[in-house]
Amino acid sequence: LDSCGLFVQGCFVMADCQHFPHLEAPVLVNQYLNDFIKACFPTEVRYAYILTKNERSEKFSGRFLPKTKLAPRQVTIAVKATSVNSFDYKMSQGLLPHLVPEFPSILHSDVAGVVIAVGEQVRDLRIGDSVFGCAGGIRGRQGALTEFMPVDEKLVAKIPSNLSFQQAAALPLAGMTAWEGLMRAGVSIGST
């Protein structure tokens, strides 16, 4: 970056406040600074809501984080919607510590958005596709409480044209739970 700031342990830090005389202190949540960071580093950072340590918490901290490098079979989604379900609540309360992503943790598994980048080995998705899925928010996969989310192409599907982003984001985990219940009950197509 330049002499105005740098990344330290995944957080943007001001190095020289003289560039911002209208600020009394370099507060990251200040809207002027947020706009400055986005303008100066549009391809290097993403804004995310995170948990910083493994404890029961209902508070997420807003923070700029470096964008992650895209793996060959991943796509980057511009997140348009996410949903909250009991799984996400349990994660935020520290009740599933074996599943929480590495700290700082970006939670929420269900996501809907638009593909903005594709890895070199992605076959079925293109830039501009609207997609949804249960694609992260657990150990090894950061979640959907962010502007841009890298996901494995196999964890998302194209959104049917009759669904909004909000409707699509509400489906993945709830839909899988309903499907599993039907399968366990022996219900199949055509059964009554």
Protein backbone atom coordinates (compact mmCIF):
# COMPACT_ATOMS: atom_id res chain seq x y z
CA LEU A 1 0.00 0.00 0.00
CA ASP A 2 1.18 3.59 0.36
CA SER A 3 2.51 5.66 3.26
CA CYS A 4 -1.00 6.39 4.57
CA GLY A 5 -1.72 2.91 5.93
CA LEU A 6 -0.96 -0.76 5.98
CA PHE A 7 -2.44 -4.12 6.93
CA VAL A 8 -1.37 -5.57 10.27
CA GLN A 9 -2.82 -8.92 11.36
CA GLY A 10 -5.70 -8.55 8.90
CA CYS A 11 -6.68 -5.03 9.98
CA PHE A 12 -6.10 -1.73 8.17
CA VAL A 13 -4.01 0.62 10.32
CA MET A 14 -3.40 4.32 9.74
CA ALA A 15 0.29 5.18 9.63
CA ASP A 16 0.12 8.92 8.95
CA CYS A 17 -2.85 10.96 10.18
CA GLN A 18 -1.75 14.22 8.55
CA HIS A 19 -3.51 13.07 5.38
CA PHE A 20 -6.82 13.29 7.28
CA PRO A 21 -6.87 16.68 9.06
CA HIS A 22 -10.68 16.55 9.40
CA LEU A 23 -10.38 13.51 11.68
CA GLU A 24 -9.39 13.95 15.31
CA ALA A 25 -8.37 10.30 15.51
CA PRO A 26 -8.04 7.54 12.90
CA VAL A 27 -11.26 5.67 13.67
CA LEU A 28 -11.84 2.86 11.18
CA VAL A 29 -15.63 3.04 11.38
CA ASN A 30 -15.62 6.70 10.35
CA GLN A 31 -17.48 6.96 7.03
CA TYR A 32 -14.86 9.24 5.49
CA LEU A 33 -12.15 6.72 6.19
CA ASN A 34 -14.30 3.84 4.91
CA ASP A 35 -14.85 5.73 1.66
CA PHE A 36 -11.14 6.52 1.42
CA ILE A 37 -10.14 2.87 1.91
CA LYS A 38 -12.63 1.65 -0.69
CA ALA A 39 -11.49 4.29 -3.17
CA CYS A 40 -7.78 3.61 -2.69
CA PHE A 41 -7.86 -0.16 -2.43
CA PRO A 42 -10.95 -1.39 -4.34
CA THR A 43 -9.43 -4.72 -5.32
CA GLU A 44 -7.43 -5.40 -2.16
CA VAL A 45 -10.00 -5.15 0.64
CA ARG A 46 -13.48 -6.27 1.59
CA TYR A 47 -15.67 -5.18 4.47
CA ALA A 48 -16.83 -7.94 6.79
CA TYR A 49 -18.61 -8.42 10.09
CA ILE A 50 -16.50 -10.68 12.26
CA LEU A 51 -16.13 -12.38 15.61
CA THR A 52 -12.65 -11.81 16.97
CA LYS A 53 -12.47 -14.55 19.60
CA ASN A 54 -14.20 -17.71 20.72
CA GLU A 55 -16.73 -16.47 23.23
CA ARG A 56 -20.48 -16.13 23.43
CA SER A 57 -21.30 -12.91 21.69
CA GLU A 58 -24.11 -11.25 19.84
CA LYS A 59 -21.81 -8.48 18.66
CA PHE A 60 -19.96 -8.54 15.40
CA SER A 61 -17.24 -6.03 14.61
CA GLY A 62 -17.16 -4.32 11.24
CA ARG A 63 -13.68 -4.39 9.73
CA PHE A 64 -11.82 -4.19 6.46
CA LEU A 65 -9.97 -7.40 5.67
CA PRO A 66 -7.69 -8.27 2.78
CA LYS A 67 -9.49 -10.06 -0.04
CA THR A 68 -8.56 -13.71 -0.23
CA LYS A 69 -6.87 -15.18 -3.27
CA LEU A 70 -9.21 -17.17 -5.48
CA ALA A 71 -8.49 -20.92 -5.73
CA PRO A 72 -8.78 -22.61 -9.16
CA ARG A 73 -12.24 -24.10 -8.46
CA GLN A 74 -13.68 -21.10 -6.60
CA VAL A 75 -15.85 -18.17 -7.55
CA THR A 76 -16.09 -14.83 -5.78
CA ILE A 77 -19.62 -13.72 -4.98
CA ALA A 78 -20.69 -10.13 -4.40
CA VAL A 79 -23.00 -10.91 -1.48
CA LYS A 80 -26.52 -9.55 -1.94
CA ALA A 81 -28.29 -11.44 0.89
CA THR A 82 -27.66 -13.87 3.72
CA SER A 83 -29.97 -15.42 6.27
CA VAL A 84 -29.77 -16.20 9.97
CA ASN A 85 -30.74 -19.61 11.24
CA SER A 86 -30.23 -21.61 14.45
CA PHE A 87 -26.89 -22.92 13.20
CA ASP A 88 -25.53 -19.36 12.79
CA TYR A 89 -26.85 -18.40 16.24
CA LYS A 90 -25.14 -21.40 17.86
CA MET A 91 -21.88 -20.54 16.12
CA SER A 92 -22.01 -16.92 17.37
CA GLN A 93 -22.69 -18.13 20.91
CA GLY A 94 -19.63 -20.40 20.93
CA LEU A 95 -21.79 -23.52 21.21
CA LEU A 96 -20.11 -25.24 18.24
CA PRO A 97 -16.41 -24.38 18.80
CA HIS A 98 -15.22 -27.30 16.67
CA LEU A 99 -16.94 -25.75 13.62
CA VAL A 100 -16.13 -22.04 14.04
CA PRO A 101 -13.82 -20.71 11.30
CA GLU A 102 -10.39 -19.41 12.16
CA PHE A 103 -10.39 -16.03 13.91
CA PRO A 104 -11.25 -13.45 12.88
CA SER A 105 -14.37 -15.46 11.95
CA ILE A 106 -16.83 -14.44 9.27
CA LEU A 107 -20.01 -16.37 10.01
CA HIS A 108 -23.28 -17.23 8.21
CA SER A 109 -23.53 -20.12 5.84
CA ASP A 110 -26.47 -19.25 3.58
CA VAL A 111 -25.71 -16.77 0.83
CA ALA A 112 -27.09 -15.32 -2.39
CA GLY A 113 -25.24 -13.00 -4.72
CA VAL A 114 -23.65 -12.35 -8.08
CA VAL A 115 -20.48 -14.03 -9.38
CA ILE A 116 -17.81 -11.35 -9.96
CA ALA A 117 -14.74 -13.57 -10.51
CA VAL A 118 -14.11 -17.20 -11.46
CA GLY A 119 -11.13 -19.46 -10.87
CA GLU A 120 -9.33 -20.88 -13.88
CA GLN A 121 -10.85 -24.38 -13.45
CA VAL A 122 -14.49 -23.30 -12.90
CA ARG A 123 -16.71 -24.78 -15.61
CA ASP A 124 -20.39 -24.15 -14.92
CA LEU A 125 -20.51 -20.58 -13.62
CA ARG A 126 -19.78 -17.26 -15.32
CA ILE A 127 -19.28 -13.68 -14.20
CA GLY A 128 -22.72 -12.15 -13.77
CA ASP A 129 -24.50 -15.37 -12.74
CA SER A 130 -26.85 -15.01 -9.76
CA VAL A 131 -26.10 -17.85 -7.33
CA PHE A 132 -27.09 -19.17 -3.91
CA GLY A 133 -25.94 -21.89 -1.54
CA CYS A 134 -24.88 -23.05 1.89
CA ALA A 135 -21.29 -22.19 1.20
CA GLY A 136 -19.33 -21.18 4.27
CA GLY A 137 -19.30 -19.94 7.83
CA ILE A 138 -17.67 -23.10 9.22
CA ARG A 139 -14.11 -24.21 9.87
CA GLY A 140 -12.07 -23.91 6.68
CA ARG A 141 -14.63 -21.67 4.93
CA GLN A 142 -15.31 -18.05 5.81
CA GLY A 143 -18.97 -17.02 5.74
CA ALA A 144 -21.38 -14.61 4.10
CA LEU A 145 -21.25 -11.58 6.43
CA THR A 146 -18.99 -9.78 3.99
CA GLU A 147 -19.11 -7.83 0.75
CA PHE A 148 -17.25 -10.47 -1.27
CA MET A 149 -17.19 -14.19 -0.50
CA PRO A 150 -14.93 -16.77 -2.16
CA VAL A 151 -16.74 -20.12 -2.44
CA ASP A 152 -16.19 -23.51 -3.99
CA GLU A 153 -18.19 -23.71 -7.23
CA LYS A 154 -19.78 -26.99 -6.07
CA LEU A 155 -21.39 -25.28 -3.06
CA VAL A 156 -23.52 -22.84 -5.07
CA ALA A 157 -26.12 -23.09 -7.83
CA LYS A 158 -27.81 -20.61 -10.13
CA ILE A 159 -30.82 -18.88 -8.59
CA PRO A 160 -34.13 -19.74 -10.29
CA SER A 161 -35.42 -16.67 -12.14
CA ASN A 162 -38.58 -16.49 -10.01
CA LEU A 163 -36.67 -15.97 -6.72
CA SER A 164 -35.22 -12.76 -5.26
CA PHE A 165 -31.79 -12.73 -3.60
CA GLN A 166 -33.49 -12.60 -0.20
CA GLN A 167 -35.71 -15.60 -0.97
CA ALA A 168 -32.77 -17.58 -2.34
CA ALA A 169 -30.61 -16.82 0.73
CA ALA A 170 -33.36 -18.13 3.02
CA LEU A 171 -33.47 -21.54 1.29
CA PRO A 172 -30.19 -23.47 1.57
CA LEU A 173 -29.94 -24.77 5.15
CA ALA A 174 -33.70 -24.75 5.77
CA GLY A 175 -34.27 -26.52 2.45
CA MET A 176 -31.62 -29.16 3.18
CA THR A 177 -33.16 -29.74 6.61
CA ALA A 178 -36.63 -30.21 5.11
CA TRP A 179 -35.26 -32.50 2.39
CA GLU A 180 -33.44 -34.66 4.95
CA GLY A 181 -36.65 -34.92 7.01
CA LEU A 182 -38.61 -36.07 3.97
CA MET A 183 -35.94 -38.65 3.08
CA ARG A 184 -35.81 -40.02 6.64
CA ALA A 185 -39.60 -40.30 6.64
CA GLY A 186 -39.47 -42.27 3.38
CA VAL A 187 -41.41 -39.65 1.41
CA SER A 188 -40.76 -39.70 -2.31
CA ILE A 189 -42.22 -38.07 -5.43
CA GLY A 190 -45.81 -39.19 -5.88
CA SER A 191 -46.24 -40.57 -2.35
CA THR A 192 -49.20 -39.43 -0.27
